[in-house]
N, C-alpha and C. Protein backbone atom coordinates (compact mmCIF):
# COMPACT_ATOMS: atom_id res chain seq x y z
N MET A 1 0.84 -1.17 0.00
CA MET A 1 0.00 0.00 0.00
C MET A 1 0.89 1.24 0.00
N GLU A 2 0.53 2.22 -0.82
CA GLU A 2 1.31 3.46 -0.88
C GLU A 2 0.62 4.56 -0.08
N ASN A 3 1.42 5.29 0.66
CA ASN A 3 0.92 6.42 1.43
C ASN A 3 1.39 7.70 0.76
N GLN A 4 0.54 8.71 0.69
CA GLN A 4 0.89 10.01 0.12
C GLN A 4 0.55 11.10 1.12
N ILE A 5 1.48 12.02 1.30
CA ILE A 5 1.27 13.16 2.18
C ILE A 5 1.74 14.41 1.44
N ILE A 6 0.96 15.47 1.50
CA ILE A 6 1.35 16.73 0.88
C ILE A 6 1.74 17.71 1.98
N TYR A 7 2.91 18.31 1.82
CA TYR A 7 3.42 19.30 2.76
C TYR A 7 3.45 20.66 2.06
N ALA A 8 2.86 21.66 2.70
CA ALA A 8 2.81 23.02 2.17
C ALA A 8 3.88 23.88 2.85
N PHE A 9 4.51 24.74 2.06
CA PHE A 9 5.57 25.61 2.55
C PHE A 9 5.24 27.06 2.21
N GLY A 10 5.85 27.98 2.94
CA GLY A 10 5.58 29.40 2.74
C GLY A 10 6.15 29.97 1.47
N ASN A 11 7.17 29.30 0.91
CA ASN A 11 7.76 29.77 -0.34
C ASN A 11 8.38 28.61 -1.11
N GLY A 12 8.64 28.85 -2.38
CA GLY A 12 9.18 27.82 -3.26
C GLY A 12 10.54 27.28 -2.87
N PRO A 13 11.49 28.15 -2.44
CA PRO A 13 12.80 27.62 -2.07
C PRO A 13 12.76 26.61 -0.92
N LYS A 14 11.89 26.83 0.06
CA LYS A 14 11.79 25.87 1.16
C LYS A 14 11.19 24.56 0.68
N ALA A 15 10.19 24.63 -0.20
CA ALA A 15 9.61 23.42 -0.75
C ALA A 15 10.65 22.65 -1.56
N THR A 16 11.44 23.37 -2.33
CA THR A 16 12.49 22.74 -3.13
C THR A 16 13.56 22.12 -2.24
N ARG A 17 13.91 22.78 -1.17
CA ARG A 17 14.90 22.24 -0.23
C ARG A 17 14.39 20.94 0.38
N PHE A 18 13.10 20.91 0.77
CA PHE A 18 12.50 19.70 1.33
C PHE A 18 12.55 18.58 0.29
N LEU A 19 12.20 18.89 -0.94
CA LEU A 19 12.24 17.89 -2.01
C LEU A 19 13.67 17.37 -2.21
N ASN A 20 14.64 18.26 -2.17
CA ASN A 20 16.04 17.83 -2.33
C ASN A 20 16.48 16.91 -1.20
N TYR A 21 16.01 17.18 0.03
CA TYR A 21 16.31 16.27 1.14
C TYR A 21 15.73 14.89 0.85
N LEU A 22 14.51 14.84 0.33
CA LEU A 22 13.90 13.55 0.03
C LEU A 22 14.68 12.83 -1.06
N LYS A 23 15.07 13.55 -2.10
CA LYS A 23 15.83 12.94 -3.20
C LYS A 23 17.19 12.43 -2.75
N SER A 24 17.76 13.06 -1.73
CA SER A 24 19.08 12.64 -1.25
C SER A 24 19.00 11.45 -0.31
N GLY A 25 17.77 11.02 0.03
CA GLY A 25 17.61 9.85 0.89
C GLY A 25 17.55 10.16 2.36
N GLU A 26 17.27 11.42 2.71
CA GLU A 26 17.17 11.82 4.11
C GLU A 26 16.18 10.95 4.88
N VAL A 27 15.07 10.63 4.22
CA VAL A 27 14.08 9.69 4.79
C VAL A 27 14.02 8.52 3.81
N PRO A 28 14.60 7.38 4.18
CA PRO A 28 14.71 6.25 3.26
C PRO A 28 13.37 5.77 2.69
N GLY A 29 13.38 5.49 1.40
CA GLY A 29 12.22 4.92 0.72
C GLY A 29 11.16 5.91 0.30
N VAL A 30 11.41 7.21 0.49
CA VAL A 30 10.41 8.23 0.17
C VAL A 30 10.78 8.93 -1.13
N LYS A 31 9.79 9.09 -1.99
CA LYS A 31 9.96 9.84 -3.24
C LYS A 31 9.07 11.07 -3.13
N GLY A 32 9.44 12.12 -3.85
CA GLY A 32 8.66 13.34 -3.77
C GLY A 32 8.58 14.06 -5.09
N SER A 33 7.62 14.98 -5.17
CA SER A 33 7.48 15.83 -6.35
C SER A 33 6.81 17.14 -5.91
N LEU A 34 7.17 18.20 -6.63
CA LEU A 34 6.57 19.50 -6.37
C LEU A 34 5.12 19.52 -6.87
N CYS A 35 4.27 20.26 -6.20
CA CYS A 35 2.90 20.45 -6.65
C CYS A 35 2.43 21.82 -6.16
N ASN A 36 1.23 22.20 -6.52
CA ASN A 36 0.65 23.48 -6.11
C ASN A 36 1.54 24.65 -6.49
N GLY A 37 2.00 24.66 -7.71
CA GLY A 37 2.80 25.78 -8.20
C GLY A 37 4.17 25.88 -7.56
N GLY A 38 4.68 24.77 -7.05
CA GLY A 38 6.01 24.76 -6.43
C GLY A 38 6.02 25.15 -4.97
N LEU A 39 4.85 25.31 -4.36
CA LEU A 39 4.78 25.68 -2.95
C LEU A 39 4.52 24.48 -2.03
N SER A 40 4.28 23.34 -2.62
CA SER A 40 4.01 22.13 -1.85
C SER A 40 4.80 20.96 -2.42
N VAL A 41 4.97 19.94 -1.60
CA VAL A 41 5.66 18.72 -2.02
C VAL A 41 4.78 17.53 -1.66
N LYS A 42 4.57 16.66 -2.65
CA LYS A 42 3.85 15.41 -2.41
C LYS A 42 4.89 14.33 -2.13
N ALA A 43 4.85 13.77 -0.93
CA ALA A 43 5.76 12.70 -0.54
C ALA A 43 5.02 11.37 -0.65
N ARG A 44 5.68 10.38 -1.26
CA ARG A 44 5.09 9.07 -1.46
C ARG A 44 6.04 7.99 -0.94
N TYR A 45 5.46 7.01 -0.26
CA TYR A 45 6.27 5.88 0.19
C TYR A 45 5.39 4.65 0.37
N ALA A 46 6.01 3.50 0.22
CA ALA A 46 5.30 2.24 0.36
C ALA A 46 5.25 1.84 1.82
N MET A 47 4.05 1.50 2.25
CA MET A 47 3.90 1.00 3.62
C MET A 47 3.93 -0.51 3.55
N ALA A 48 5.08 -1.05 3.84
CA ALA A 48 5.24 -2.50 3.80
C ALA A 48 4.54 -3.11 5.01
N GLY A 49 4.30 -4.38 4.93
CA GLY A 49 3.68 -5.08 6.05
C GLY A 49 4.69 -5.27 7.17
N VAL A 50 5.05 -4.16 7.78
CA VAL A 50 6.07 -4.17 8.83
C VAL A 50 5.41 -4.45 10.17
N ASP A 51 6.02 -5.35 10.94
CA ASP A 51 5.55 -5.57 12.30
C ASP A 51 6.08 -4.44 13.16
N GLY A 52 5.20 -3.78 13.88
CA GLY A 52 5.63 -2.67 14.72
C GLY A 52 5.24 -1.34 14.13
N PHE A 53 5.86 -0.30 14.64
CA PHE A 53 5.51 1.08 14.29
C PHE A 53 6.39 1.58 13.15
N ASP A 54 5.76 2.17 12.13
CA ASP A 54 6.48 2.76 11.01
C ASP A 54 6.72 4.23 11.32
N THR A 55 7.98 4.64 11.37
CA THR A 55 8.32 6.01 11.76
C THR A 55 8.46 6.96 10.57
N THR A 56 8.18 6.50 9.36
CA THR A 56 8.38 7.32 8.17
C THR A 56 7.58 8.61 8.23
N CYS A 57 6.31 8.53 8.60
CA CYS A 57 5.47 9.73 8.65
C CYS A 57 6.02 10.73 9.67
N GLN A 58 6.44 10.25 10.82
CA GLN A 58 7.00 11.15 11.83
C GLN A 58 8.29 11.81 11.35
N GLN A 59 9.12 11.05 10.65
CA GLN A 59 10.36 11.61 10.11
C GLN A 59 10.05 12.70 9.09
N LEU A 60 9.06 12.46 8.24
CA LEU A 60 8.66 13.46 7.25
C LEU A 60 8.11 14.71 7.93
N ASP A 61 7.27 14.52 8.94
CA ASP A 61 6.70 15.66 9.68
C ASP A 61 7.81 16.49 10.32
N ASP A 62 8.78 15.82 10.93
CA ASP A 62 9.88 16.54 11.59
C ASP A 62 10.72 17.31 10.59
N LEU A 63 11.01 16.69 9.45
CA LEU A 63 11.81 17.35 8.42
C LEU A 63 11.05 18.55 7.85
N ALA A 64 9.77 18.39 7.56
CA ALA A 64 8.98 19.50 7.03
C ALA A 64 8.89 20.62 8.07
N ASP A 65 8.70 20.27 9.32
CA ASP A 65 8.60 21.27 10.38
C ASP A 65 9.90 22.08 10.51
N SER A 66 11.03 21.43 10.31
CA SER A 66 12.32 22.12 10.41
C SER A 66 12.48 23.19 9.33
N LEU A 67 11.68 23.07 8.25
CA LEU A 67 11.73 24.03 7.16
C LEU A 67 10.49 24.93 7.11
N GLY A 68 9.66 24.84 8.16
CA GLY A 68 8.47 25.67 8.22
C GLY A 68 7.29 25.12 7.45
N GLY A 69 7.34 23.84 7.09
CA GLY A 69 6.26 23.22 6.34
C GLY A 69 5.24 22.57 7.24
N VAL A 70 4.03 22.45 6.73
CA VAL A 70 2.95 21.80 7.45
C VAL A 70 2.24 20.82 6.53
N GLU A 71 1.66 19.79 7.13
CA GLU A 71 0.91 18.83 6.35
C GLU A 71 -0.38 19.49 5.87
N ALA A 72 -0.61 19.43 4.57
CA ALA A 72 -1.82 20.03 3.98
C ALA A 72 -2.94 19.01 3.96
N SER A 73 -4.15 19.47 4.10
CA SER A 73 -5.28 18.55 4.08
C SER A 73 -5.81 18.35 2.69
C-alpha cells in the first residue's frame, strides 16, 4: 500500500529544499514531487507489512517542520 502526504511551505525555495532532502535519501524509501505551483511537495512511500511502528510519517513531519512546512489537508 502506498501512502501520500502533501506538505505546504511558505515559499518555493523551502519546498524545493525539502524535495532535495527527500531525493538525497534523508528519509529512506520516500519519493517526492513539487505540486501546487512549487509551494508544496507530495511525498510518497510504500507502507510494507512491517511488524511494529512505522516512523516514516513522523520523520517526514519533523523534516517539514524544520523548514516551516505543514501537512496540507
